[in-house]
């Protein structure tokens, strides 16, 4: 999230892709937070990567765990390792999983 940070978002995605982690971004220059969260909830995405001007200045990324409703700050070089750890703990968005379980009954 943040204006004109498409290159930084793609850089983070590339790091994750190279490590075999599935990652997506909204391909717009200035994604709005509500659109980002809607996309995550609609598609069962359990983690969001938050990249803003302040995060870039501090050399960190924020990872938002939607299942736990908490943010974790990590250094850029620790991103892949932490994301893999969080995916292991949160492989799916729990609210989405519960909806699908209800529908299949």
PDB file of N, CA and C in Angstrom:
ATOM      1  N   UNK A   1       0.844  -1.169   0.000  1.00  0.00           N
ATOM      2  CA  UNK A   1       0.000   0.000   0.000  1.00  0.00           C
ATOM      3  C   UNK A   1       0.885   1.227   0.000  1.00  0.00           C
ATOM      4  N   UNK A   2       0.427   2.243  -0.605  1.00  0.00           N
ATOM      5  CA  UNK A   2       1.213   3.458  -0.726  1.00  0.00           C
ATOM      6  C   UNK A   2       1.240   3.894  -2.173  1.00  0.00           C
ATOM      7  N   UNK A   3       1.345   5.167  -2.359  1.00  0.00           N
ATOM      8  CA  UNK A   3       1.302   5.707  -3.719  1.00  0.00           C
ATOM      9  C   UNK A   3       2.615   5.496  -4.450  1.00  0.00           C
ATOM     10  N   UNK A   4       2.488   5.154  -5.734  1.00  0.00           N
ATOM     11  CA  UNK A   4       3.626   5.030  -6.637  1.00  0.00           C
ATOM     12  C   UNK A   4       4.700   4.066  -6.139  1.00  0.00           C
ATOM     13  N   UNK A   5       4.268   2.961  -5.544  1.00  0.00           N
ATOM     14  CA  UNK A   5       5.204   1.974  -5.031  1.00  0.00           C
ATOM     15  C   UNK A   5       5.097   0.638  -5.780  1.00  0.00           C
ATOM     16  N   UNK A   6       4.619   0.702  -7.008  1.00  0.00           N
ATOM     17  CA  UNK A   6       4.448  -0.518  -7.800  1.00  0.00           C
ATOM     18  C   UNK A   6       5.766  -1.280  -7.921  1.00  0.00           C
ATOM     19  N   UNK A   7       6.857  -0.592  -8.188  1.00  0.00           N
ATOM     20  CA  UNK A   7       8.151  -1.256  -8.342  1.00  0.00           C
ATOM     21  C   UNK A   7       8.553  -1.966  -7.049  1.00  0.00           C
ATOM     22  N   UNK A   8       8.306  -1.350  -5.907  1.00  0.00           N
ATOM     23  CA  UNK A   8       8.636  -1.964  -4.617  1.00  0.00           C
ATOM     24  C   UNK A   8       7.750  -3.176  -4.347  1.00  0.00           C
ATOM     25  N   UNK A   9       6.471  -3.091  -4.721  1.00  0.00           N
ATOM     26  CA  UNK A   9       5.574  -4.236  -4.544  1.00  0.00           C
ATOM     27  C   UNK A   9       6.027  -5.399  -5.421  1.00  0.00           C
ATOM     28  N   UNK A  10       6.393  -5.109  -6.655  1.00  0.00           N
ATOM     29  CA  UNK A  10       6.858  -6.156  -7.563  1.00  0.00           C
ATOM     30  C   UNK A  10       8.197  -6.733  -7.106  1.00  0.00           C
ATOM     31  N   UNK A  11       9.045  -5.908  -6.522  1.00  0.00           N
ATOM     32  CA  UNK A  11      10.319  -6.384  -5.978  1.00  0.00           C
ATOM     33  C   UNK A  11      10.055  -7.396  -4.849  1.00  0.00           C
ATOM     34  N   UNK A  12       9.109  -7.082  -3.970  1.00  0.00           N
ATOM     35  CA  UNK A  12       8.758  -7.993  -2.880  1.00  0.00           C
ATOM     36  C   UNK A  12       8.149  -9.280  -3.435  1.00  0.00           C
ATOM     37  N   UNK A  13       7.263  -9.146  -4.424  1.00  0.00           N
ATOM     38  CA  UNK A  13       6.676 -10.336  -5.053  1.00  0.00           C
ATOM     39  C   UNK A  13       7.765 -11.200  -5.673  1.00  0.00           C
ATOM     40  N   UNK A  14       8.720 -10.594  -6.352  1.00  0.00           N
ATOM     41  CA  UNK A  14       9.799 -11.342  -7.003  1.00  0.00           C
ATOM     42  C   UNK A  14      10.615 -12.120  -5.972  1.00  0.00           C
ATOM     43  N   UNK A  15      10.884 -11.512  -4.821  1.00  0.00           N
ATOM     44  CA  UNK A  15      11.611 -12.210  -3.756  1.00  0.00           C
ATOM     45  C   UNK A  15      10.827 -13.442  -3.304  1.00  0.00           C
ATOM     46  N   UNK A  16       9.530 -13.273  -3.137  1.00  0.00           N
ATOM     47  CA  UNK A  16       8.684 -14.384  -2.696  1.00  0.00           C
ATOM     48  C   UNK A  16       8.555 -15.444  -3.786  1.00  0.00           C
ATOM     49  N   UNK A  17       8.360 -15.020  -5.032  1.00  0.00           N
ATOM     50  CA  UNK A  17       8.237 -15.962  -6.145  1.00  0.00           C
ATOM     51  C   UNK A  17       9.503 -16.811  -6.280  1.00  0.00           C
ATOM     52  N   UNK A  18      10.671 -16.169  -6.170  1.00  0.00           N
ATOM     53  CA  UNK A  18      11.941 -16.881  -6.293  1.00  0.00           C
ATOM     54  C   UNK A  18      12.089 -17.948  -5.214  1.00  0.00           C
ATOM     55  N   UNK A  19      11.436 -17.729  -4.068  1.00  0.00           N
ATOM     56  CA  UNK A  19      11.492 -18.684  -2.958  1.00  0.00           C
ATOM     57  C   UNK A  19      10.354 -19.700  -3.034  1.00  0.00           C
ATOM     58  N   UNK A  20       9.563 -19.648  -4.117  1.00  0.00           N
ATOM     59  CA  UNK A  20       8.475 -20.600  -4.295  1.00  0.00           C
ATOM     60  C   UNK A  20       7.203 -20.258  -3.535  1.00  0.00           C
ATOM     61  N   UNK A  21       7.092 -19.016  -3.108  1.00  0.00           N
ATOM     62  CA  UNK A  21       5.910 -18.571  -2.366  1.00  0.00           C
ATOM     63  C   UNK A  21       4.939 -17.917  -3.341  1.00  0.00           C
ATOM     64  N   UNK A  22       3.677 -18.330  -3.282  1.00  0.00           N
ATOM     65  CA  UNK A  22       2.653 -17.690  -4.108  1.00  0.00           C
ATOM     66  C   UNK A  22       2.421 -16.287  -3.571  1.00  0.00           C
ATOM     67  N   UNK A  23       2.412 -15.317  -4.455  1.00  0.00           N
ATOM     68  CA  UNK A  23       2.186 -13.925  -4.060  1.00  0.00           C
ATOM     69  C   UNK A  23       1.501 -13.199  -5.207  1.00  0.00           C
ATOM     70  N   UNK A  24       0.661 -12.258  -4.858  1.00  0.00           N
ATOM     71  CA  UNK A  24      -0.049 -11.457  -5.853  1.00  0.00           C
ATOM     72  C   UNK A  24       0.015  -9.996  -5.434  1.00  0.00           C
ATOM     73  N   UNK A  25      -0.194  -9.141  -6.397  1.00  0.00           N
ATOM     74  CA  UNK A  25      -0.310  -7.721  -6.112  1.00  0.00           C
ATOM     75  C   UNK A  25      -1.447  -7.173  -6.965  1.00  0.00           C
ATOM     76  N   UNK A  26      -2.006  -6.082  -6.533  1.00  0.00           N
ATOM     77  CA  UNK A  26      -2.971  -5.388  -7.382  1.00  0.00           C
ATOM     78  C   UNK A  26      -2.155  -4.553  -8.354  1.00  0.00           C
ATOM     79  N   UNK A  27      -2.415  -4.705  -9.626  1.00  0.00           N
ATOM     80  CA  UNK A  27      -1.611  -4.045 -10.648  1.00  0.00           C
ATOM     81  C   UNK A  27      -2.165  -2.659 -10.965  1.00  0.00           C
ATOM     82  N   UNK A  28      -2.189  -1.833  -9.945  1.00  0.00           N
ATOM     83  CA  UNK A  28      -2.563  -0.425 -10.083  1.00  0.00           C
ATOM     84  C   UNK A  28      -1.503   0.391  -9.363  1.00  0.00           C
ATOM     85  N   UNK A  29      -1.317   1.626  -9.793  1.00  0.00           N
ATOM     86  CA  UNK A  29      -0.273   2.450  -9.186  1.00  0.00           C
ATOM     87  C   UNK A  29      -0.560   2.793  -7.725  1.00  0.00           C
ATOM     88  N   UNK A  30      -1.796   3.070  -7.412  1.00  0.00           N
ATOM     89  CA  UNK A  30      -2.142   3.510  -6.069  1.00  0.00           C
ATOM     90  C   UNK A  30      -3.300   2.685  -5.505  1.00  0.00           C
ATOM     91  N   UNK A  31      -3.008   1.458  -5.052  1.00  0.00           N
ATOM     92  CA  UNK A  31      -4.093   0.617  -4.540  1.00  0.00           C
ATOM     93  C   UNK A  31      -4.658   1.181  -3.235  1.00  0.00           C
ATOM     94  N   UNK A  32      -5.964   1.162  -3.143  1.00  0.00           N
ATOM     95  CA  UNK A  32      -6.614   1.629  -1.923  1.00  0.00           C
ATOM     96  C   UNK A  32      -6.684   0.480  -0.932  1.00  0.00           C
ATOM     97  N   UNK A  33      -6.598   0.815   0.334  1.00  0.00           N
ATOM     98  CA  UNK A  33      -6.624  -0.211   1.382  1.00  0.00           C
ATOM     99  C   UNK A  33      -7.897  -1.035   1.309  1.00  0.00           C
ATOM    100  N   UNK A  34      -9.048  -0.395   1.090  1.00  0.00           N
ATOM    101  CA  UNK A  34     -10.306  -1.144   1.060  1.00  0.00           C
ATOM    102  C   UNK A  34     -10.337  -2.149  -0.088  1.00  0.00           C
ATOM    103  N   UNK A  35      -9.773  -1.788  -1.230  1.00  0.00           N
ATOM    104  CA  UNK A  35      -9.718  -2.711  -2.376  1.00  0.00           C
ATOM    105  C   UNK A  35      -8.763  -3.880  -2.078  1.00  0.00           C
ATOM    106  N   UNK A  36      -7.661  -3.573  -1.426  1.00  0.00           N
ATOM    107  CA  UNK A  36      -6.691  -4.602  -1.082  1.00  0.00           C
ATOM    108  C   UNK A  36      -7.297  -5.615  -0.117  1.00  0.00           C
ATOM    109  N   UNK A  37      -7.954  -5.129   0.917  1.00  0.00           N
ATOM    110  CA  UNK A  37      -8.569  -6.021   1.896  1.00  0.00           C
ATOM    111  C   UNK A  37      -9.724  -6.802   1.265  1.00  0.00           C
ATOM    112  N   UNK A  38     -10.511  -6.151   0.428  1.00  0.00           N
ATOM    113  CA  UNK A  38     -11.607  -6.847  -0.257  1.00  0.00           C
ATOM    114  C   UNK A  38     -11.077  -7.987  -1.116  1.00  0.00           C
ATOM    115  N   UNK A  39     -10.011  -7.727  -1.844  1.00  0.00           N
ATOM    116  CA  UNK A  39      -9.403  -8.765  -2.675  1.00  0.00           C
ATOM    117  C   UNK A  39      -8.971  -9.940  -1.808  1.00  0.00           C
ATOM    118  N   UNK A  40      -8.316  -9.645  -0.687  1.00  0.00           N
ATOM    119  CA  UNK A  40      -7.831 -10.705   0.204  1.00  0.00           C
ATOM    120  C   UNK A  40      -8.991 -11.531   0.748  1.00  0.00           C
ATOM    121  N   UNK A  41     -10.026 -10.864   1.243  1.00  0.00           N
ATOM    122  CA  UNK A  41     -11.161 -11.594   1.806  1.00  0.00           C
ATOM    123  C   UNK A  41     -11.926 -12.371   0.741  1.00  0.00           C
ATOM    124  N   UNK A  42     -12.102 -11.790  -0.440  1.00  0.00           N
ATOM    125  CA  UNK A  42     -12.826 -12.464  -1.522  1.00  0.00           C
ATOM    126  C   UNK A  42     -12.091 -13.691  -2.053  1.00  0.00           C
ATOM    127  N   UNK A  43     -10.758 -13.685  -1.935  1.00  0.00           N
ATOM    128  CA  UNK A  43      -9.949 -14.762  -2.507  1.00  0.00           C
ATOM    129  C   UNK A  43      -9.290 -15.661  -1.459  1.00  0.00           C
ATOM    130  N   UNK A  44      -9.655 -15.481  -0.194  1.00  0.00           N
ATOM    131  CA  UNK A  44      -9.128 -16.347   0.855  1.00  0.00           C
ATOM    132  C   UNK A  44      -7.655 -16.176   1.140  1.00  0.00           C
ATOM    133  N   UNK A  45      -7.134 -14.981   0.952  1.00  0.00           N
ATOM    134  CA  UNK A  45      -5.720 -14.707   1.174  1.00  0.00           C
ATOM    135  C   UNK A  45      -5.512 -14.393   2.660  1.00  0.00           C
ATOM    136  N   UNK A  46      -4.690 -15.182   3.376  1.00  0.00           N
ATOM    137  CA  UNK A  46      -4.547 -14.983   4.822  1.00  0.00           C
ATOM    138  C   UNK A  46      -3.543 -13.914   5.243  1.00  0.00           C
ATOM    139  N   UNK A  47      -2.657 -13.508   4.341  1.00  0.00           N
ATOM    140  CA  UNK A  47      -1.608 -12.550   4.700  1.00  0.00           C
ATOM    141  C   UNK A  47      -1.555 -11.400   3.692  1.00  0.00           C
ATOM    142  N   UNK A  48      -1.313 -10.206   4.210  1.00  0.00           N
ATOM    143  CA  UNK A  48      -1.098  -9.035   3.359  1.00  0.00           C
ATOM    144  C   UNK A  48       0.272  -8.458   3.680  1.00  0.00           C
ATOM    145  N   UNK A  49       0.970  -8.039   2.652  1.00  0.00           N
ATOM    146  CA  UNK A  49       2.247  -7.363   2.828  1.00  0.00           C
ATOM    147  C   UNK A  49       1.985  -5.874   2.691  1.00  0.00           C
ATOM    148  N   UNK A  50       2.397  -5.124   3.698  1.00  0.00           N
ATOM    149  CA  UNK A  50       2.167  -3.688   3.683  1.00  0.00           C
ATOM    150  C   UNK A  50       3.489  -2.984   3.416  1.00  0.00           C
ATOM    151  N   UNK A  51       3.506  -2.256   2.313  1.00  0.00           N
ATOM    152  CA  UNK A  51       4.688  -1.500   1.912  1.00  0.00           C
ATOM    153  C   UNK A  51       4.257  -0.052   1.748  1.00  0.00           C
ATOM    154  N   UNK A  52       4.805   0.789   2.557  1.00  0.00           N
ATOM    155  CA  UNK A  52       4.503   2.213   2.473  1.00  0.00           C
ATOM    156  C   UNK A  52       5.793   3.005   2.497  1.00  0.00           C
ATOM    157  N   UNK A  53       5.672   4.292   2.327  1.00  0.00           N
ATOM    158  CA  UNK A  53       6.870   5.136   2.312  1.00  0.00           C
ATOM    159  C   UNK A  53       7.641   5.038   3.622  1.00  0.00           C
ATOM    160  N   UNK A  54       6.928   4.978   4.741  1.00  0.00           N
ATOM    161  CA  UNK A  54       7.581   4.893   6.051  1.00  0.00           C
ATOM    162  C   UNK A  54       8.315   3.558   6.202  1.00  0.00           C
ATOM    163  N   UNK A  55       7.687   2.485   5.733  1.00  0.00           N
ATOM    164  CA  UNK A  55       8.322   1.174   5.806  1.00  0.00           C
ATOM    165  C   UNK A  55       9.600   1.143   4.961  1.00  0.00           C
ATOM    166  N   UNK A  56       9.539   1.708   3.772  1.00  0.00           N
ATOM    167  CA  UNK A  56      10.716   1.751   2.900  1.00  0.00           C
ATOM    168  C   UNK A  56      11.838   2.544   3.564  1.00  0.00           C
ATOM    169  N   UNK A  57      11.484   3.680   4.151  1.00  0.00           N
ATOM    170  CA  UNK A  57      12.485   4.519   4.820  1.00  0.00           C
ATOM    171  C   UNK A  57      13.150   3.770   5.984  1.00  0.00           C
ATOM    172  N   UNK A  58      12.388   2.905   6.651  1.00  0.00           N
ATOM    173  CA  UNK A  58      12.914   2.166   7.794  1.00  0.00           C
ATOM    174  C   UNK A  58      13.500   0.798   7.419  1.00  0.00           C
ATOM    175  N   UNK A  59      13.421   0.434   6.132  1.00  0.00           N
ATOM    176  CA  UNK A  59      13.971  -0.836   5.671  1.00  0.00           C
ATOM    177  C   UNK A  59      13.211  -2.049   6.184  1.00  0.00           C
ATOM    178  N   UNK A  60      11.909  -1.886   6.363  1.00  0.00           N
ATOM    179  CA  UNK A  60      11.088  -2.991   6.872  1.00  0.00           C
ATOM    180  C   UNK A  60       9.874  -3.222   5.984  1.00  0.00           C
ATOM    181  N   UNK A  61       9.246  -4.353   6.204  1.00  0.00           N
ATOM    182  CA  UNK A  61       7.938  -4.655   5.634  1.00  0.00           C
ATOM    183  C   UNK A  61       7.022  -4.974   6.797  1.00  0.00           C
ATOM    184  N   UNK A  62       5.751  -4.733   6.611  1.00  0.00           N
ATOM    185  CA  UNK A  62       4.767  -5.166   7.595  1.00  0.00           C
ATOM    186  C   UNK A  62       3.948  -6.274   6.954  1.00  0.00           C
ATOM    187  N   UNK A  63       3.742  -7.329   7.708  1.00  0.00           N
ATOM    188  CA  UNK A  63       2.910  -8.434   7.254  1.00  0.00           C
ATOM    189  C   UNK A  63       1.682  -8.439   8.139  1.00  0.00           C
ATOM    190  N   UNK A  64       0.517  -8.370   7.523  1.00  0.00           N
ATOM    191  CA  UNK A  64      -0.743  -8.388   8.265  1.00  0.00           C
ATOM    192  C   UNK A  64      -1.325  -9.789   8.170  1.00  0.00           C
ATOM    193  N   UNK A  65      -1.478 -10.433   9.326  1.00  0.00           N
ATOM    194  CA  UNK A  65      -2.129 -11.737   9.392  1.00  0.00           C
ATOM    195  C   UNK A  65      -3.607 -11.489   9.613  1.00  0.00           C
ATOM    196  N   UNK A  66      -4.417 -11.783   8.611  1.00  0.00           N
ATOM    197  CA  UNK A  66      -5.852 -11.523   8.717  1.00  0.00           C
ATOM    198  C   UNK A  66      -6.530 -12.486   9.683  1.00  0.00           C
ATOM    199  N   UNK A  67      -6.013 -13.708   9.822  1.00  0.00           N
ATOM    200  CA  UNK A  67      -6.591 -14.657  10.766  1.00  0.00           C
ATOM    201  C   UNK A  67      -6.406 -14.206  12.208  1.00  0.00           C
ATOM    202  N   UNK A  68      -5.244 -13.641  12.484  1.00  0.00           N
ATOM    203  CA  UNK A  68      -4.920 -13.228  13.856  1.00  0.00           C
ATOM    204  C   UNK A  68      -5.133 -11.732  14.077  1.00  0.00           C
ATOM    205  N   UNK A  69      -5.433 -11.024  13.010  1.00  0.00           N
ATOM    206  CA  UNK A  69      -5.620  -9.577  13.058  1.00  0.00           C
ATOM    207  C   UNK A  69      -4.451  -8.885  13.764  1.00  0.00           C
ATOM    208  N   UNK A  70      -3.238  -9.222  13.317  1.00  0.00           N
ATOM    209  CA  UNK A  70      -2.057  -8.568  13.874  1.00  0.00           C
ATOM    210  C   UNK A  70      -1.056  -8.279  12.764  1.00  0.00           C
ATOM    211  N   UNK A  71      -0.199  -7.295  13.036  1.00  0.00           N
ATOM    212  CA  UNK A  71       0.857  -6.922  12.095  1.00  0.00           C
ATOM    213  C   UNK A  71       2.206  -7.306  12.661  1.00  0.00           C
ATOM    214  N   UNK A  72       3.053  -7.830  11.796  1.00  0.00           N
ATOM    215  CA  UNK A  72       4.401  -8.211  12.171  1.00  0.00           C
ATOM    216  C   UNK A  72       5.352  -7.395  11.316  1.00  0.00           C
ATOM    217  N   UNK A  73       6.325  -6.758  11.940  1.00  0.00           N
ATOM    218  CA  UNK A  73       7.331  -6.008  11.193  1.00  0.00           C
ATOM    219  C   UNK A  73       8.553  -6.888  10.999  1.00  0.00           C
ATOM    220  N   UNK A  74       9.063  -6.919   9.771  1.00  0.00           N
ATOM    221  CA  UNK A  74      10.268  -7.687   9.472  1.00  0.00           C
ATOM    222  C   UNK A  74      11.207  -6.864   8.615  1.00  0.00           C
ATOM    223  N   UNK A  75      12.488  -7.130   8.759  1.00  0.00           N
ATOM    224  CA  UNK A  75      13.473  -6.513   7.882  1.00  0.00           C
ATOM    225  C   UNK A  75      13.366  -7.157   6.514  1.00  0.00           C
ATOM    226  N   UNK A  76      13.756  -6.420   5.508  1.00  0.00           N
ATOM    227  CA  UNK A  76      13.657  -6.899   4.127  1.00  0.00           C
ATOM    228  C   UNK A  76      14.318  -8.264   3.949  1.00  0.00           C
ATOM    229  N   UNK A  77      15.497  -8.444   4.529  1.00  0.00           N
ATOM    230  CA  UNK A  77      16.220  -9.709   4.359  1.00  0.00           C
ATOM    231  C   UNK A  77      15.578 -10.879   5.106  1.00  0.00           C
ATOM    232  N   UNK A  78      14.634 -10.608   5.998  1.00  0.00           N
ATOM    233  CA  UNK A  78      13.936 -11.658   6.746  1.00  0.00           C
ATOM    234  C   UNK A  78      12.536 -11.946   6.181  1.00  0.00           C
ATOM    235  N   UNK A  79      12.160 -11.230   5.137  1.00  0.00           N
ATOM    236  CA  UNK A  79      10.807 -11.317   4.605  1.00  0.00           C
ATOM    237  C   UNK A  79      10.411 -12.736   4.193  1.00  0.00           C
ATOM    238  N   UNK A  80      11.193 -13.362   3.349  1.00  0.00           N
ATOM    239  CA  UNK A  80      10.837 -14.676   2.810  1.00  0.00           C
ATOM    240  C   UNK A  80      10.699 -15.693   3.938  1.00  0.00           C
ATOM    241  N   UNK A  81      11.659 -15.725   4.837  1.00  0.00           N
ATOM    242  CA  UNK A  81      11.623 -16.685   5.942  1.00  0.00           C
ATOM    243  C   UNK A  81      10.377 -16.489   6.806  1.00  0.00           C
ATOM    244  N   UNK A  82      10.056 -15.239   7.134  1.00  0.00           N
ATOM    245  CA  UNK A  82       8.896 -14.960   7.994  1.00  0.00           C
ATOM    246  C   UNK A  82       7.591 -15.279   7.276  1.00  0.00           C
ATOM    247  N   UNK A  83       7.493 -14.945   5.997  1.00  0.00           N
ATOM    248  CA  UNK A  83       6.277 -15.239   5.235  1.00  0.00           C
ATOM    249  C   UNK A  83       6.054 -16.745   5.182  1.00  0.00           C
ATOM    250  N   UNK A  84       7.111 -17.517   4.933  1.00  0.00           N
ATOM    251  CA  UNK A  84       6.970 -18.972   4.900  1.00  0.00           C
ATOM    252  C   UNK A  84       6.483 -19.495   6.254  1.00  0.00           C
ATOM    253  N   UNK A  85       7.031 -18.965   7.324  1.00  0.00           N
ATOM    254  CA  UNK A  85       6.612 -19.366   8.668  1.00  0.00           C
ATOM    255  C   UNK A  85       5.130 -19.046   8.908  1.00  0.00           C
ATOM    256  N   UNK A  86       4.721 -17.857   8.507  1.00  0.00           N
ATOM    257  CA  UNK A  86       3.332 -17.443   8.698  1.00  0.00           C
ATOM    258  C   UNK A  86       2.368 -18.241   7.818  1.00  0.00           C
ATOM    259  N   UNK A  87       2.792 -18.597   6.623  1.00  0.00           N
ATOM    260  CA  UNK A  87       1.947 -19.410   5.743  1.00  0.00           C
ATOM    261  C   UNK A  87       1.746 -20.797   6.359  1.00  0.00           C
ATOM    262  N   UNK A  88       2.799 -21.320   6.959  1.00  0.00           N
ATOM    263  CA  UNK A  88       2.682 -22.617   7.617  1.00  0.00           C
ATOM    264  C   UNK A  88       1.646 -22.551   8.743  1.00  0.00           C
ATOM    265  N   UNK A  89       1.619 -21.430   9.458  1.00  0.00           N
ATOM    266  CA  UNK A  89       0.675 -21.247  10.562  1.00  0.00           C
ATOM    267  C   UNK A  89      -0.716 -20.854  10.060  1.00  0.00           C
ATOM    268  N   UNK A  90      -0.797 -20.192   8.923  1.00  0.00           N
ATOM    269  CA  UNK A  90      -2.047 -19.659   8.376  1.00  0.00           C
ATOM    270  C   UNK A  90      -2.177 -20.003   6.899  1.00  0.00           C
ATOM    271  N   UNK A  91      -2.362 -21.271   6.558  1.00  0.00           N
ATOM    272  CA  UNK A  91      -2.382 -21.638   5.136  1.00  0.00           C
ATOM    273  C   UNK A  91      -3.598 -21.110   4.372  1.00  0.00           C
ATOM    274  N   UNK A  92      -4.699 -20.848   5.081  1.00  0.00           N
ATOM    275  CA  UNK A  92      -5.892 -20.319   4.431  1.00  0.00           C
ATOM    276  C   UNK A  92      -6.517 -19.268   5.337  1.00  0.00           C
ATOM    277  N   UNK A  93      -7.342 -18.457   4.746  1.00  0.00           N
ATOM    278  CA  UNK A  93      -8.083 -17.470   5.514  1.00  0.00           C
ATOM    279  C   UNK A  93      -9.215 -18.198   6.224  1.00  0.00           C
ATOM    280  N   UNK A  94      -9.214 -18.198   7.540  1.00  0.00           N
ATOM    281  CA  UNK A  94     -10.163 -19.003   8.306  1.00  0.00           C
ATOM    282  C   UNK A  94     -11.610 -18.669   8.013  1.00  0.00           C
ATOM    283  N   UNK A  95     -11.944 -17.409   7.899  1.00  0.00           N
ATOM    284  CA  UNK A  95     -13.330 -17.037   7.608  1.00  0.00           C
ATOM    285  C   UNK A  95     -13.768 -17.652   6.286  1.00  0.00           C
ATOM    286  N   UNK A  96     -12.912 -17.649   5.290  1.00  0.00           N
ATOM    287  CA  UNK A  96     -13.215 -18.223   3.983  1.00  0.00           C
ATOM    288  C   UNK A  96     -13.393 -19.734   4.103  1.00  0.00           C
ATOM    289  N   UNK A  97     -12.519 -20.384   4.877  1.00  0.00           N
ATOM    290  CA  UNK A  97     -12.594 -21.826   5.059  1.00  0.00           C
ATOM    291  C   UNK A  97     -13.916 -22.202   5.726  1.00  0.00           C
ATOM    292  N   UNK A  98     -14.360 -21.444   6.718  1.00  0.00           N
ATOM    293  CA  UNK A  98     -15.619 -21.724   7.396  1.00  0.00           C
ATOM    294  C   UNK A  98     -16.799 -21.579   6.438  1.00  0.00           C
ATOM    295  N   UNK A  99     -16.772 -20.552   5.574  1.00  0.00           N
ATOM    296  CA  UNK A  99     -17.831 -20.352   4.589  1.00  0.00           C
ATOM    297  C   UNK A  99     -17.920 -21.550   3.649  1.00  0.00           C
ATOM    298  N   UNK A 100     -16.771 -22.015   3.162  1.00  0.00           N
ATOM    299  CA  UNK A 100     -16.758 -23.133   2.228  1.00  0.00           C
ATOM    300  C   UNK A 100     -17.261 -24.405   2.903  1.00  0.00           C
ATOM    301  N   UNK A 101     -16.944 -24.600   4.172  1.00  0.00           N
ATOM    302  CA  UNK A 101     -17.418 -25.771   4.908  1.00  0.00           C
ATOM    303  C   UNK A 101     -18.926 -25.735   5.023  1.00  0.00           C
ATOM    304  N   UNK A 102     -19.500 -24.567   5.297  1.00  0.00           N
ATOM    305  CA  UNK A 102     -20.956 -24.419   5.400  1.00  0.00           C
ATOM    306  C   UNK A 102     -21.623 -24.738   4.059  1.00  0.00           C
ATOM    307  N   UNK A 103     -21.048 -24.230   2.969  1.00  0.00           N
ATOM    308  CA  UNK A 103     -21.626 -24.402   1.639  1.00  0.00           C
ATOM    309  C   UNK A 103     -21.605 -25.852   1.197  1.00  0.00           C
ATOM    310  N   UNK A 104     -20.603 -26.613   1.633  1.00  0.00           N
ATOM    311  CA  UNK A 104     -20.488 -27.987   1.181  1.00  0.00           C
ATOM    312  C   UNK A 104     -21.413 -28.932   1.959  1.00  0.00           C
ATOM    313  N   UNK A 105     -22.033 -28.453   3.016  1.00  0.00           N
ATOM    314  CA  UNK A 105     -22.947 -29.298   3.820  1.00  0.00           C
ATOM    315  C   UNK A 105     -24.334 -29.307   3.253  1.00  0.00           C
TER     316      UNK A 105
END
